[in-house]
Amino acid sequence: MCVLHDNKEGMSQKARRQLSYEIIEYKQLLKGLKIKLNDLTSSCPKNADTRQNAIKVAKLISENTFLSNYIKEMKKPPLKELKKLPIVHHKTIKKHRKYIIAISIIYIMEFTYIKKYMNH
């Protein structure tokens, strides 16, 4: 998710429009969390393994009602609860906090087109 590729080939006009709407809504949600899209480039893990671990944490957050509500209300990852899980080191969560929150929001809000675009 570090870089959105310009892959409009094969996308219908309706899909492009829906992707545009999702991006606008996503940017608004991130703005409410005091995160800019530019922040994501600096907080995106450079190492592929670390990036995959951050995505695992984001998915875990989105699948757990308590954790996803915590993100929405507190506007930060629930470090105390995530420390209990052996998925990733807590320093990684702290360092890539904005990235994890941003990815969590994509999964929590079920941005279908952004998720498809991310996987390319």
PDB file of N, CA and C in Angstrom:
ATOM      1  N   MET A   1       0.817  -1.181   0.000  1.00  0.00           N
ATOM      2  CA  MET A   1       0.000   0.000   0.000  1.00  0.00           C
ATOM      3  C   MET A   1       0.851   1.230   0.000  1.00  0.00           C
ATOM      4  N   CYS A   2       2.129   1.084   0.009  1.00  0.00           N
ATOM      5  CA  CYS A   2       3.018   2.234   0.059  1.00  0.00           C
ATOM      6  C   CYS A   2       2.820   3.148  -1.144  1.00  0.00           C
ATOM      7  N   VAL A   3       2.625   2.557  -2.304  1.00  0.00           N
ATOM      8  CA  VAL A   3       2.460   3.337  -3.520  1.00  0.00           C
ATOM      9  C   VAL A   3       1.261   2.787  -4.267  1.00  0.00           C
ATOM     10  N   LEU A   4       0.372   3.668  -4.653  1.00  0.00           N
ATOM     11  CA  LEU A   4      -0.744   3.249  -5.498  1.00  0.00           C
ATOM     12  C   LEU A   4      -0.275   3.332  -6.936  1.00  0.00           C
ATOM     13  N   HIS A   5      -0.343   2.231  -7.626  1.00  0.00           N
ATOM     14  CA  HIS A   5       0.092   2.184  -9.012  1.00  0.00           C
ATOM     15  C   HIS A   5      -1.037   2.663  -9.911  1.00  0.00           C
ATOM     16  N   ASP A   6      -0.665   3.293 -10.996  1.00  0.00           N
ATOM     17  CA  ASP A   6      -1.661   3.778 -11.941  1.00  0.00           C
ATOM     18  C   ASP A   6      -2.042   2.634 -12.866  1.00  0.00           C
ATOM     19  N   ASN A   7      -2.976   1.807 -12.422  1.00  0.00           N
ATOM     20  CA  ASN A   7      -3.396   0.631 -13.166  1.00  0.00           C
ATOM     21  C   ASN A   7      -4.856   0.773 -13.563  1.00  0.00           C
ATOM     22  N   LYS A   8      -5.155   1.760 -14.372  1.00  0.00           N
ATOM     23  CA  LYS A   8      -6.542   1.998 -14.759  1.00  0.00           C
ATOM     24  C   LYS A   8      -6.949   1.139 -15.946  1.00  0.00           C
ATOM     25  N   GLU A   9      -5.977   0.457 -16.566  1.00  0.00           N
ATOM     26  CA  GLU A   9      -6.304  -0.438 -17.658  1.00  0.00           C
ATOM     27  C   GLU A   9      -7.121  -1.587 -17.090  1.00  0.00           C
ATOM     28  N   GLY A  10      -8.153  -1.944 -17.762  1.00  0.00           N
ATOM     29  CA  GLY A  10      -8.953  -3.062 -17.303  1.00  0.00           C
ATOM     30  C   GLY A  10     -10.013  -2.673 -16.285  1.00  0.00           C
ATOM     31  N   MET A  11      -9.999  -1.458 -15.814  1.00  0.00           N
ATOM     32  CA  MET A  11     -11.019  -0.997 -14.865  1.00  0.00           C
ATOM     33  C   MET A  11     -12.136  -0.317 -15.637  1.00  0.00           C
ATOM     34  N   SER A  12     -13.351  -0.656 -15.311  1.00  0.00           N
ATOM     35  CA  SER A  12     -14.475  -0.003 -15.965  1.00  0.00           C
ATOM     36  C   SER A  12     -14.576   1.427 -15.438  1.00  0.00           C
ATOM     37  N   GLN A  13     -15.322   2.227 -16.141  1.00  0.00           N
ATOM     38  CA  GLN A  13     -15.516   3.611 -15.714  1.00  0.00           C
ATOM     39  C   GLN A  13     -16.208   3.646 -14.352  1.00  0.00           C
ATOM     40  N   LYS A  14     -17.154   2.739 -14.140  1.00  0.00           N
ATOM     41  CA  LYS A  14     -17.858   2.663 -12.867  1.00  0.00           C
ATOM     42  C   LYS A  14     -16.894   2.315 -11.733  1.00  0.00           C
ATOM     43  N   ALA A  15     -15.994   1.369 -11.985  1.00  0.00           N
ATOM     44  CA  ALA A  15     -15.014   0.961 -10.970  1.00  0.00           C
ATOM     45  C   ALA A  15     -14.062   2.107 -10.653  1.00  0.00           C
ATOM     46  N   ARG A  16     -13.631   2.847 -11.667  1.00  0.00           N
ATOM     47  CA  ARG A  16     -12.753   4.005 -11.439  1.00  0.00           C
ATOM     48  C   ARG A  16     -13.456   5.067 -10.609  1.00  0.00           C
ATOM     49  N   ARG A  17     -14.723   5.292 -10.922  1.00  0.00           N
ATOM     50  CA  ARG A  17     -15.506   6.280 -10.175  1.00  0.00           C
ATOM     51  C   ARG A  17     -15.646   5.842  -8.715  1.00  0.00           C
ATOM     52  N   GLN A  18     -15.946   4.561  -8.513  1.00  0.00           N
ATOM     53  CA  GLN A  18     -16.092   4.045  -7.155  1.00  0.00           C
ATOM     54  C   GLN A  18     -14.768   4.144  -6.398  1.00  0.00           C
ATOM     55  N   LEU A  19     -13.659   3.840  -7.065  1.00  0.00           N
ATOM     56  CA  LEU A  19     -12.343   3.968  -6.454  1.00  0.00           C
ATOM     57  C   LEU A  19     -12.092   5.422  -6.050  1.00  0.00           C
ATOM     58  N   SER A  20     -12.464   6.351  -6.915  1.00  0.00           N
ATOM     59  CA  SER A  20     -12.297   7.776  -6.596  1.00  0.00           C
ATOM     60  C   SER A  20     -13.107   8.168  -5.368  1.00  0.00           C
ATOM     61  N   TYR A  21     -14.345   7.691  -5.282  1.00  0.00           N
ATOM     62  CA  TYR A  21     -15.186   7.988  -4.117  1.00  0.00           C
ATOM     63  C   TYR A  21     -14.576   7.397  -2.843  1.00  0.00           C
ATOM     64  N   GLU A  22     -14.080   6.161  -2.959  1.00  0.00           N
ATOM     65  CA  GLU A  22     -13.472   5.525  -1.795  1.00  0.00           C
ATOM     66  C   GLU A  22     -12.236   6.293  -1.335  1.00  0.00           C
ATOM     67  N   ILE A  23     -11.431   6.756  -2.276  1.00  0.00           N
ATOM     68  CA  ILE A  23     -10.225   7.507  -1.916  1.00  0.00           C
ATOM     69  C   ILE A  23     -10.594   8.810  -1.224  1.00  0.00           C
ATOM     70  N   ILE A  24     -11.609   9.498  -1.722  1.00  0.00           N
ATOM     71  CA  ILE A  24     -12.058  10.745  -1.092  1.00  0.00           C
ATOM     72  C   ILE A  24     -12.531  10.470   0.333  1.00  0.00           C
ATOM     73  N   GLU A  25     -13.345   9.438   0.508  1.00  0.00           N
ATOM     74  CA  GLU A  25     -13.838   9.086   1.843  1.00  0.00           C
ATOM     75  C   GLU A  25     -12.684   8.660   2.755  1.00  0.00           C
ATOM     76  N   TYR A  26     -11.756   7.899   2.198  1.00  0.00           N
ATOM     77  CA  TYR A  26     -10.590   7.427   2.953  1.00  0.00           C
ATOM     78  C   TYR A  26      -9.736   8.601   3.439  1.00  0.00           C
ATOM     79  N   LYS A  27      -9.503   9.549   2.544  1.00  0.00           N
ATOM     80  CA  LYS A  27      -8.719  10.735   2.926  1.00  0.00           C
ATOM     81  C   LYS A  27      -9.403  11.507   4.050  1.00  0.00           C
ATOM     82  N   GLN A  28     -10.732  11.598   4.007  1.00  0.00           N
ATOM     83  CA  GLN A  28     -11.476  12.284   5.062  1.00  0.00           C
ATOM     84  C   GLN A  28     -11.340  11.553   6.392  1.00  0.00           C
ATOM     85  N   LEU A  29     -11.424  10.227   6.360  1.00  0.00           N
ATOM     86  CA  LEU A  29     -11.263   9.444   7.583  1.00  0.00           C
ATOM     87  C   LEU A  29      -9.858   9.612   8.150  1.00  0.00           C
ATOM     88  N   LEU A  30      -8.858   9.574   7.275  1.00  0.00           N
ATOM     89  CA  LEU A  30      -7.482   9.765   7.733  1.00  0.00           C
ATOM     90  C   LEU A  30      -7.278  11.162   8.301  1.00  0.00           C
ATOM     91  N   LYS A  31      -7.917  12.141   7.681  1.00  0.00           N
ATOM     92  CA  LYS A  31      -7.814  13.518   8.180  1.00  0.00           C
ATOM     93  C   LYS A  31      -8.351  13.601   9.608  1.00  0.00           C
ATOM     94  N   GLY A  32      -9.445  12.905   9.879  1.00  0.00           N
ATOM     95  CA  GLY A  32     -10.002  12.865  11.228  1.00  0.00           C
ATOM     96  C   GLY A  32      -9.064  12.193  12.222  1.00  0.00           C
ATOM     97  N   LEU A  33      -8.184  11.335  11.711  1.00  0.00           N
ATOM     98  CA  LEU A  33      -7.201  10.655  12.556  1.00  0.00           C
ATOM     99  C   LEU A  33      -5.853  11.388  12.546  1.00  0.00           C
ATOM    100  N   LYS A  34      -5.842  12.568  11.925  1.00  0.00           N
ATOM    101  CA  LYS A  34      -4.636  13.402  11.819  1.00  0.00           C
ATOM    102  C   LYS A  34      -3.511  12.691  11.065  1.00  0.00           C
ATOM    103  N   ILE A  35      -3.901  12.006   9.976  1.00  0.00           N
ATOM    104  CA  ILE A  35      -2.934  11.332   9.114  1.00  0.00           C
ATOM    105  C   ILE A  35      -3.149  11.831   7.691  1.00  0.00           C
ATOM    106  N   LYS A  36      -2.053  12.198   7.030  1.00  0.00           N
ATOM    107  CA  LYS A  36      -2.107  12.597   5.629  1.00  0.00           C
ATOM    108  C   LYS A  36      -1.556  11.451   4.788  1.00  0.00           C
ATOM    109  N   LEU A  37      -1.984  11.374   3.543  1.00  0.00           N
ATOM    110  CA  LEU A  37      -1.466  10.330   2.661  1.00  0.00           C
ATOM    111  C   LEU A  37       0.048  10.418   2.550  1.00  0.00           C
ATOM    112  N   ASN A  38       0.584  11.639   2.583  1.00  0.00           N
ATOM    113  CA  ASN A  38       2.041  11.803   2.523  1.00  0.00           C
ATOM    114  C   ASN A  38       2.729  11.184   3.732  1.00  0.00           C
ATOM    115  N   ASP A  39       2.046  11.172   4.883  1.00  0.00           N
ATOM    116  CA  ASP A  39       2.610  10.553   6.085  1.00  0.00           C
ATOM    117  C   ASP A  39       2.829   9.060   5.883  1.00  0.00           C
ATOM    118  N   LEU A  40       2.004   8.457   5.065  1.00  0.00           N
ATOM    119  CA  LEU A  40       2.084   7.011   4.875  1.00  0.00           C
ATOM    120  C   LEU A  40       3.355   6.593   4.156  1.00  0.00           C
ATOM    121  N   THR A  41       3.871   7.441   3.293  1.00  0.00           N
ATOM    122  CA  THR A  41       5.106   7.080   2.599  1.00  0.00           C
ATOM    123  C   THR A  41       6.282   7.015   3.565  1.00  0.00           C
ATOM    124  N   SER A  42       6.292   7.887   4.562  1.00  0.00           N
ATOM    125  CA  SER A  42       7.394   7.861   5.527  1.00  0.00           C
ATOM    126  C   SER A  42       7.192   6.808   6.611  1.00  0.00           C
ATOM    127  N   SER A  43       5.935   6.448   6.891  1.00  0.00           N
ATOM    128  CA  SER A  43       5.688   5.461   7.947  1.00  0.00           C
ATOM    129  C   SER A  43       5.532   4.047   7.409  1.00  0.00           C
ATOM    130  N   CYS A  44       5.574   3.895   6.097  1.00  0.00           N
ATOM    131  CA  CYS A  44       5.474   2.567   5.483  1.00  0.00           C
ATOM    132  C   CYS A  44       6.773   1.806   5.726  1.00  0.00           C
ATOM    133  N   PRO A  45       6.674   0.582   6.258  1.00  0.00           N
ATOM    134  CA  PRO A  45       7.882  -0.212   6.485  1.00  0.00           C
ATOM    135  C   PRO A  45       8.617  -0.497   5.167  1.00  0.00           C
ATOM    136  N   LYS A  46       9.909  -0.315   5.176  1.00  0.00           N
ATOM    137  CA  LYS A  46      10.711  -0.541   3.965  1.00  0.00           C
ATOM    138  C   LYS A  46      10.941  -2.029   3.726  1.00  0.00           C
ATOM    139  N   ASN A  47      11.102  -2.786   4.789  1.00  0.00           N
ATOM    140  CA  ASN A  47      11.345  -4.218   4.697  1.00  0.00           C
ATOM    141  C   ASN A  47      10.030  -4.943   4.421  1.00  0.00           C
ATOM    142  N   ALA A  48      10.045  -5.852   3.460  1.00  0.00           N
ATOM    143  CA  ALA A  48       8.824  -6.568   3.066  1.00  0.00           C
ATOM    144  C   ALA A  48       8.238  -7.384   4.217  1.00  0.00           C
ATOM    145  N   ASP A  49       9.084  -8.028   5.001  1.00  0.00           N
ATOM    146  CA  ASP A  49       8.585  -8.816   6.132  1.00  0.00           C
ATOM    147  C   ASP A  49       7.908  -7.928   7.165  1.00  0.00           C
ATOM    148  N   THR A  50       8.535  -6.804   7.451  1.00  0.00           N
ATOM    149  CA  THR A  50       7.953  -5.867   8.411  1.00  0.00           C
ATOM    150  C   THR A  50       6.633  -5.324   7.896  1.00  0.00           C
ATOM    151  N   ARG A  51       6.590  -5.041   6.605  1.00  0.00           N
ATOM    152  CA  ARG A  51       5.352  -4.538   5.993  1.00  0.00           C
ATOM    153  C   ARG A  51       4.245  -5.591   6.097  1.00  0.00           C
ATOM    154  N   GLN A  52       4.575  -6.854   5.823  1.00  0.00           N
ATOM    155  CA  GLN A  52       3.583  -7.924   5.926  1.00  0.00           C
ATOM    156  C   GLN A  52       3.108  -8.094   7.372  1.00  0.00           C
ATOM    157  N   ASN A  53       4.012  -7.957   8.328  1.00  0.00           N
ATOM    158  CA  ASN A  53       3.623  -8.037   9.740  1.00  0.00           C
ATOM    159  C   ASN A  53       2.701  -6.884  10.120  1.00  0.00           C
ATOM    160  N   ALA A  54       2.999  -5.694   9.613  1.00  0.00           N
ATOM    161  CA  ALA A  54       2.144  -4.539   9.891  1.00  0.00           C
ATOM    162  C   ALA A  54       0.746  -4.760   9.309  1.00  0.00           C
ATOM    163  N   ILE A  55       0.682  -5.343   8.129  1.00  0.00           N
ATOM    164  CA  ILE A  55      -0.612  -5.636   7.501  1.00  0.00           C
ATOM    165  C   ILE A  55      -1.360  -6.694   8.307  1.00  0.00           C
ATOM    166  N   LYS A  56      -0.634  -7.691   8.836  1.00  0.00           N
ATOM    167  CA  LYS A  56      -1.271  -8.705   9.688  1.00  0.00           C
ATOM    168  C   LYS A  56      -1.886  -8.056  10.928  1.00  0.00           C
ATOM    169  N   VAL A  57      -1.150  -7.117  11.516  1.00  0.00           N
ATOM    170  CA  VAL A  57      -1.668  -6.405  12.690  1.00  0.00           C
ATOM    171  C   VAL A  57      -2.909  -5.615  12.308  1.00  0.00           C
ATOM    172  N   ALA A  58      -2.869  -4.941  11.163  1.00  0.00           N
ATOM    173  CA  ALA A  58      -4.017  -4.159  10.701  1.00  0.00           C
ATOM    174  C   ALA A  58      -5.238  -5.058  10.484  1.00  0.00           C
ATOM    175  N   LYS A  59      -5.038  -6.223   9.881  1.00  0.00           N
ATOM    176  CA  LYS A  59      -6.143  -7.157   9.662  1.00  0.00           C
ATOM    177  C   LYS A  59      -6.692  -7.656  10.993  1.00  0.00           C
ATOM    178  N   LEU A  60      -5.792  -7.950  11.922  1.00  0.00           N
ATOM    179  CA  LEU A  60      -6.201  -8.407  13.245  1.00  0.00           C
ATOM    180  C   LEU A  60      -7.056  -7.340  13.937  1.00  0.00           C
ATOM    181  N   ILE A  61      -6.631  -6.102  13.847  1.00  0.00           N
ATOM    182  CA  ILE A  61      -7.384  -4.994  14.435  1.00  0.00           C
ATOM    183  C   ILE A  61      -8.772  -4.912  13.808  1.00  0.00           C
ATOM    184  N   SER A  62      -8.831  -5.013  12.481  1.00  0.00           N
ATOM    185  CA  SER A  62     -10.117  -4.874  11.790  1.00  0.00           C
ATOM    186  C   SER A  62     -11.070  -6.025  12.100  1.00  0.00           C
ATOM    187  N   GLU A  63     -10.549  -7.185  12.428  1.00  0.00           N
ATOM    188  CA  GLU A  63     -11.387  -8.354  12.706  1.00  0.00           C
ATOM    189  C   GLU A  63     -11.882  -8.396  14.148  1.00  0.00           C
ATOM    190  N   ASN A  64     -11.326  -7.557  14.999  1.00  0.00           N
ATOM    191  CA  ASN A  64     -11.679  -7.550  16.413  1.00  0.00           C
ATOM    192  C   ASN A  64     -12.453  -6.263  16.726  1.00  0.00           C
ATOM    193  N   THR A  65     -13.688  -6.406  17.169  1.00  0.00           N
ATOM    194  CA  THR A  65     -14.545  -5.241  17.425  1.00  0.00           C
ATOM    195  C   THR A  65     -13.928  -4.297  18.444  1.00  0.00           C
ATOM    196  N   PHE A  66     -13.408  -4.833  19.536  1.00  0.00           N
ATOM    197  CA  PHE A  66     -12.804  -3.975  20.560  1.00  0.00           C
ATOM    198  C   PHE A  66     -11.636  -3.177  19.989  1.00  0.00           C
ATOM    199  N   LEU A  67     -10.747  -3.861  19.255  1.00  0.00           N
ATOM    200  CA  LEU A  67      -9.567  -3.190  18.713  1.00  0.00           C
ATOM    201  C   LEU A  67      -9.938  -2.151  17.656  1.00  0.00           C
ATOM    202  N   SER A  68     -10.893  -2.482  16.794  1.00  0.00           N
ATOM    203  CA  SER A  68     -11.286  -1.517  15.755  1.00  0.00           C
ATOM    204  C   SER A  68     -11.990  -0.310  16.368  1.00  0.00           C
ATOM    205  N   ASN A  69     -12.820  -0.536  17.384  1.00  0.00           N
ATOM    206  CA  ASN A  69     -13.445   0.599  18.072  1.00  0.00           C
ATOM    207  C   ASN A  69     -12.410   1.448  18.794  1.00  0.00           C
ATOM    208  N   TYR A  70     -11.388   0.813  19.340  1.00  0.00           N
ATOM    209  CA  TYR A  70     -10.311   1.534  20.021  1.00  0.00           C
ATOM    210  C   TYR A  70      -9.626   2.488  19.037  1.00  0.00           C
ATOM    211  N   ILE A  71      -9.326   1.994  17.851  1.00  0.00           N
ATOM    212  CA  ILE A  71      -8.688   2.839  16.823  1.00  0.00           C
ATOM    213  C   ILE A  71      -9.584   4.018  16.472  1.00  0.00           C
ATOM    214  N   LYS A  72     -10.864   3.741  16.262  1.00  0.00           N
ATOM    215  CA  LYS A  72     -11.799   4.808  15.881  1.00  0.00           C
ATOM    216  C   LYS A  72     -11.905   5.875  16.972  1.00  0.00           C
ATOM    217  N   GLU A  73     -11.971   5.451  18.229  1.00  0.00           N
ATOM    218  CA  GLU A  73     -12.169   6.386  19.331  1.00  0.00           C
ATOM    219  C   GLU A  73     -10.876   7.058  19.786  1.00  0.00           C
ATOM    220  N   MET A  74      -9.813   6.266  19.964  1.00  0.00           N
ATOM    221  CA  MET A  74      -8.575   6.788  20.527  1.00  0.00           C
ATOM    222  C   MET A  74      -7.610   7.311  19.459  1.00  0.00           C
ATOM    223  N   LYS A  75      -7.857   6.940  18.207  1.00  0.00           N
ATOM    224  CA  LYS A  75      -7.057   7.382  17.073  1.00  0.00           C
ATOM    225  C   LYS A  75      -5.595   6.941  17.167  1.00  0.00           C
ATOM    226  N   LYS A  76      -5.387   5.760  17.745  1.00  0.00           N
ATOM    227  CA  LYS A  76      -4.065   5.151  17.824  1.00  0.00           C
ATOM    228  C   LYS A  76      -4.245   3.657  18.024  1.00  0.00           C
ATOM    229  N   PRO A  77      -3.210   2.874  17.694  1.00  0.00           N
ATOM    230  CA  PRO A  77      -3.349   1.430  17.900  1.00  0.00           C
ATOM    231  C   PRO A  77      -3.338   1.075  19.387  1.00  0.00           C
ATOM    232  N   PRO A  78      -4.066   0.064  19.753  1.00  0.00           N
ATOM    233  CA  PRO A  78      -4.120  -0.348  21.164  1.00  0.00           C
ATOM    234  C   PRO A  78      -2.856  -1.126  21.551  1.00  0.00           C
ATOM    235  N   LEU A  79      -1.783  -0.409  21.841  1.00  0.00           N
ATOM    236  CA  LEU A  79      -0.487  -1.034  22.090  1.00  0.00           C
ATOM    237  C   LEU A  79      -0.523  -2.063  23.212  1.00  0.00           C
ATOM    238  N   LYS A  80      -1.200  -1.739  24.286  1.00  0.00           N
ATOM    239  CA  LYS A  80      -1.235  -2.635  25.434  1.00  0.00           C
ATOM    240  C   LYS A  80      -1.821  -3.995  25.049  1.00  0.00           C
ATOM    241  N   GLU A  81      -2.910  -3.978  24.295  1.00  0.00           N
ATOM    242  CA  GLU A  81      -3.550  -5.226  23.884  1.00  0.00           C
ATOM    243  C   GLU A  81      -2.726  -5.959  22.819  1.00  0.00           C
ATOM    244  N   LEU A  82      -2.115  -5.197  21.917  1.00  0.00           N
ATOM    245  CA  LEU A  82      -1.337  -5.813  20.849  1.00  0.00           C
ATOM    246  C   LEU A  82      -0.026  -6.397  21.369  1.00  0.00           C
ATOM    247  N   LYS A  83       0.501  -5.852  22.469  1.00  0.00           N
ATOM    248  CA  LYS A  83       1.726  -6.395  23.073  1.00  0.00           C
ATOM    249  C   LYS A  83       1.528  -7.835  23.529  1.00  0.00           C
ATOM    250  N   LYS A  84       0.297  -8.164  23.876  1.00  0.00           N
ATOM    251  CA  LYS A  84      -0.014  -9.510  24.363  1.00  0.00           C
ATOM    252  C   LYS A  84       0.035 -10.547  23.249  1.00  0.00           C
ATOM    253  N   LEU A  85      -0.025 -10.095  22.022  1.00  0.00           N
ATOM    254  CA  LEU A  85      -0.031 -11.008  20.881  1.00  0.00           C
ATOM    255  C   LEU A  85       1.383 -11.193  20.338  1.00  0.00           C
ATOM    256  N   PRO A  86       1.762 -12.422  20.047  1.00  0.00           N
ATOM    257  CA  PRO A  86       3.128 -12.676  19.573  1.00  0.00           C
ATOM    258  C   PRO A  86       3.331 -12.426  18.075  1.00  0.00           C
ATOM    259  N   ILE A  87       2.488 -11.617  17.477  1.00  0.00           N
ATOM    260  CA  ILE A  87       2.564 -11.401  16.029  1.00  0.00           C
ATOM    261  C   ILE A  87       3.763 -10.541  15.640  1.00  0.00           C
ATOM    262  N   VAL A  88       3.929  -9.440  16.342  1.00  0.00           N
ATOM    263  CA  VAL A  88       4.960  -8.481  15.968  1.00  0.00           C
ATOM    264  C   VAL A  88       5.439  -7.745  17.214  1.00  0.00           C
ATOM    265  N   HIS A  89       6.655  -7.286  17.166  1.00  0.00           N
ATOM    266  CA  HIS A  89       7.250  -6.575  18.291  1.00  0.00           C
ATOM    267  C   HIS A  89       6.561  -5.216  18.478  1.00  0.00           C
ATOM    268  N   HIS A  90       6.370  -4.817  19.733  1.00  0.00           N
ATOM    269  CA  HIS A  90       5.643  -3.570  20.005  1.00  0.00           C
ATOM    270  C   HIS A  90       6.363  -2.335  19.463  1.00  0.00           C
ATOM    271  N   LYS A  91       7.677  -2.393  19.316  1.00  0.00           N
ATOM    272  CA  LYS A  91       8.411  -1.246  18.753  1.00  0.00           C
ATOM    273  C   LYS A  91       8.057  -1.053  17.285  1.00  0.00           C
ATOM    274  N   THR A  92       7.814  -2.152  16.601  1.00  0.00           N
ATOM    275  CA  THR A  92       7.393  -2.077  15.201  1.00  0.00           C
ATOM    276  C   THR A  92       6.030  -1.399  15.104  1.00  0.00           C
ATOM    277  N   ILE A  93       5.142  -1.749  16.018  1.00  0.00           N
ATOM    278  CA  ILE A  93       3.810  -1.143  16.027  1.00  0.00           C
ATOM    279  C   ILE A  93       3.918   0.354  16.290  1.00  0.00           C
ATOM    280  N   LYS A  94       4.744   0.741  17.250  1.00  0.00           N
ATOM    281  CA  LYS A  94       4.919   2.158  17.558  1.00  0.00           C
ATOM    282  C   LYS A  94       5.512   2.918  16.374  1.00  0.00           C
ATOM    283  N   LYS A  95       6.548   2.336  15.770  1.00  0.00           N
ATOM    284  CA  LYS A  95       7.255   3.005  14.674  1.00  0.00           C
ATOM    285  C   LYS A  95       6.371   3.189  13.440  1.00  0.00           C
ATOM    286  N   HIS A  96       5.527   2.194  13.169  1.00  0.00           N
ATOM    287  CA  HIS A  96       4.697   2.224  11.960  1.00  0.00           C
ATOM    288  C   HIS A  96       3.223   2.432  12.300  1.00  0.00           C
ATOM    289  N   ARG A  97       2.986   3.142  13.358  1.00  0.00           N
ATOM    290  CA  ARG A  97       1.643   3.397  13.888  1.00  0.00           C
ATOM    291  C   ARG A  97       0.695   3.946  12.820  1.00  0.00           C
ATOM    292  N   LYS A  98       1.103   4.976  12.118  1.00  0.00           N
ATOM    293  CA  LYS A  98       0.224   5.606  11.125  1.00  0.00           C
ATOM    294  C   LYS A  98      -0.113   4.637   9.992  1.00  0.00           C
ATOM    295  N   TYR A  99       0.880   3.890   9.565  1.00  0.00           N
ATOM    296  CA  TYR A  99       0.661   2.908   8.498  1.00  0.00           C
ATOM    297  C   TYR A  99      -0.334   1.843   8.946  1.00  0.00           C
ATOM    298  N   ILE A 100      -0.165   1.333  10.154  1.00  0.00           N
ATOM    299  CA  ILE A 100      -1.062   0.301  10.679  1.00  0.00           C
ATOM    300  C   ILE A 100      -2.479   0.838  10.811  1.00  0.00           C
ATOM    301  N   ILE A 101      -2.622   2.048  11.300  1.00  0.00           N
ATOM    302  CA  ILE A 101      -3.952   2.659  11.425  1.00  0.00           C
ATOM    303  C   ILE A 101      -4.585   2.814  10.042  1.00  0.00           C
ATOM    304  N   ALA A 102      -3.806   3.319   9.085  1.00  0.00           N
ATOM    305  CA  ALA A 102      -4.332   3.557   7.740  1.00  0.00           C
ATOM    306  C   ALA A 102      -4.799   2.254   7.089  1.00  0.00           C
ATOM    307  N   ILE A 103      -4.022   1.203   7.225  1.00  0.00           N
ATOM    308  CA  ILE A 103      -4.406  -0.090   6.651  1.00  0.00           C
ATOM    309  C   ILE A 103      -5.617  -0.647   7.397  1.00  0.00           C
ATOM    310  N   SER A 104      -5.632  -0.487   8.713  1.00  0.00           N
ATOM    311  CA  SER A 104      -6.775  -0.954   9.513  1.00  0.00           C
ATOM    312  C   SER A 104      -8.060  -0.313   9.035  1.00  0.00           C
ATOM    313  N   ILE A 105      -8.012   0.977   8.768  1.00  0.00           N
ATOM    314  CA  ILE A 105      -9.199   1.712   8.315  1.00  0.00           C
ATOM    315  C   ILE A 105      -9.710   1.136   6.994  1.00  0.00           C
ATOM    316  N   ILE A 106      -8.802   0.771   6.111  1.00  0.00           N
ATOM    317  CA  ILE A 106      -9.223   0.183   4.832  1.00  0.00           C
ATOM    318  C   ILE A 106     -10.006  -1.100   5.073  1.00  0.00           C
ATOM    319  N   TYR A 107      -9.521  -1.922   5.993  1.00  0.00           N
ATOM    320  CA  TYR A 107     -10.211  -3.182   6.283  1.00  0.00           C
ATOM    321  C   TYR A 107     -11.476  -2.969   7.113  1.00  0.00           C
ATOM    322  N   ILE A 108     -11.441  -2.064   8.070  1.00  0.00           N
ATOM    323  CA  ILE A 108     -12.611  -1.808   8.921  1.00  0.00           C
ATOM    324  C   ILE A 108     -13.768  -1.272   8.088  1.00  0.00           C
ATOM    325  N   MET A 109     -13.475  -0.321   7.231  1.00  0.00           N
ATOM    326  CA  MET A 109     -14.517   0.330   6.436  1.00  0.00           C
ATOM    327  C   MET A 109     -14.837  -0.450   5.157  1.00  0.00           C
ATOM    328  N   GLU A 110     -14.126  -1.519   4.923  1.00  0.00           N
ATOM    329  CA  GLU A 110     -14.350  -2.375   3.758  1.00  0.00           C
ATOM    330  C   GLU A 110     -14.322  -1.593   2.443  1.00  0.00           C
ATOM    331  N   PHE A 111     -13.230  -0.896   2.233  1.00  0.00           N
ATOM    332  CA  PHE A 111     -13.013  -0.194   0.974  1.00  0.00           C
ATOM    333  C   PHE A 111     -12.594  -1.220  -0.079  1.00  0.00           C
ATOM    334  N   THR A 112     -13.559  -1.770  -0.756  1.00  0.00           N
ATOM    335  CA  THR A 112     -13.350  -2.870  -1.679  1.00  0.00           C
ATOM    336  C   THR A 112     -12.371  -2.525  -2.797  1.00  0.00           C
ATOM    337  N   TYR A 113     -12.569  -1.391  -3.432  1.00  0.00           N
ATOM    338  CA  TYR A 113     -11.738  -1.033  -4.573  1.00  0.00           C
ATOM    339  C   TYR A 113     -10.323  -0.665  -4.142  1.00  0.00           C
ATOM    340  N   ILE A 114     -10.180  -0.013  -3.014  1.00  0.00           N
ATOM    341  CA  ILE A 114      -8.837   0.314  -2.517  1.00  0.00           C
ATOM    342  C   ILE A 114      -8.095  -0.967  -2.173  1.00  0.00           C
ATOM    343  N   LYS A 115      -8.771  -1.933  -1.550  1.00  0.00           N
ATOM    344  CA  LYS A 115      -8.135  -3.215  -1.220  1.00  0.00           C
ATOM    345  C   LYS A 115      -7.666  -3.931  -2.484  1.00  0.00           C
ATOM    346  N   LYS A 116      -8.512  -3.939  -3.510  1.00  0.00           N
ATOM    347  CA  LYS A 116      -8.122  -4.584  -4.776  1.00  0.00           C
ATOM    348  C   LYS A 116      -6.916  -3.882  -5.377  1.00  0.00           C
ATOM    349  N   TYR A 117      -6.929  -2.561  -5.331  1.00  0.00           N
ATOM    350  CA  TYR A 117      -5.857  -1.767  -5.893  1.00  0.00           C
ATOM    351  C   TYR A 117      -4.556  -1.971  -5.113  1.00  0.00           C
ATOM    352  N   MET A 118      -4.667  -2.116  -3.786  1.00  0.00           N
ATOM    353  CA  MET A 118      -3.506  -2.344  -2.925  1.00  0.00           C
ATOM    354  C   MET A 118      -2.808  -3.649  -3.277  1.00  0.00           C
ATOM    355  N   ASN A 119      -3.562  -4.665  -3.619  1.00  0.00           N
ATOM    356  CA  ASN A 119      -3.007  -5.988  -3.854  1.00  0.00           C
ATOM    357  C   ASN A 119      -2.252  -6.111  -5.173  1.00  0.00           C
ATOM    358  N   HIS A 120      -2.313  -5.100  -6.020  1.00  0.00           N
ATOM    359  CA  HIS A 120      -1.576  -5.168  -7.296  1.00  0.00           C
ATOM    360  C   HIS A 120      -0.141  -4.871  -7.057  1.00  0.00           C
TER     361      HIS A 120
END
